[in-house]
Amino acid sequence: MDAVRVALLREVLAGTAWPAAARRFAGALRSSVVPQGGGLLLVGTAEYEPWHLAAHLVDEAAWSGQPELAPTLVRHRVRPGDPAHLAVGLGRIEAAGRGETLLVVAPERPEAGLLERVHDARRSGATVLALDGGDPEVRGLAHEGLTVGGTAEVDLDTVQHLVSAAAGENSLPPAPRGRRGFRDRLSRLADQLTAPPPPRW
């Protein structure tokens, strides 16, 4: 999702708590990985692999000049012949420790084996963050979490877009007073380009 669409999404959600909640969570993510120089591991459940979040974080890492935001995608099923960046299995979580961050994306309750690995990583000193659908065990393991329940105004995919965009923005120094940021200017330009033409009299 590009900057213009994220800006429009935030505008639609302006009356809700989601933009601020996503920025708070993104700030926790950034403050966990940037000072450590990276070490971000991203894992989903056996049924849900967070491909899109991984791709968006890679993009934000490049655009924001914060390579630490680029995650290692940890997969439940690794096939022979998979390229190196897609060949990291669950054993990587078992090896996680101090200085590393584990971001768990779990729209549904994860299988017990994943929860055990996440628990072990936390005991070994890894920071655990969770984007979840409301499972109490996932939240209990997380140092910081953001829950998207079934009654929320948004779904988990939408919140992932908000979080990844905010993670890149939060890494940038604040703009000087009186000057609009690049994404704000881009959003304003998009509004002008999509506005209906003035009536001709």
Foldseek 3Di string as FASTA:
>chain_A
DDLQVLVVVCVVCVVDCLLVLLLVLLVVVLVLQQVLLAQEEEEEALVDFPPVLLVLQCVLCVVLVRNNSRYQYEHCDADPPDPPSRRHYPVVLQVAAASHEYEYEYADDHDPVSLVSLQNNVVRHYAYEYEYQDDPSNVVSHPYYDHDHPPDPDDSVSSSVSNSVSNSVVSDPDDPPPDDDPSVVVNVVVCVVPDDDDDDD
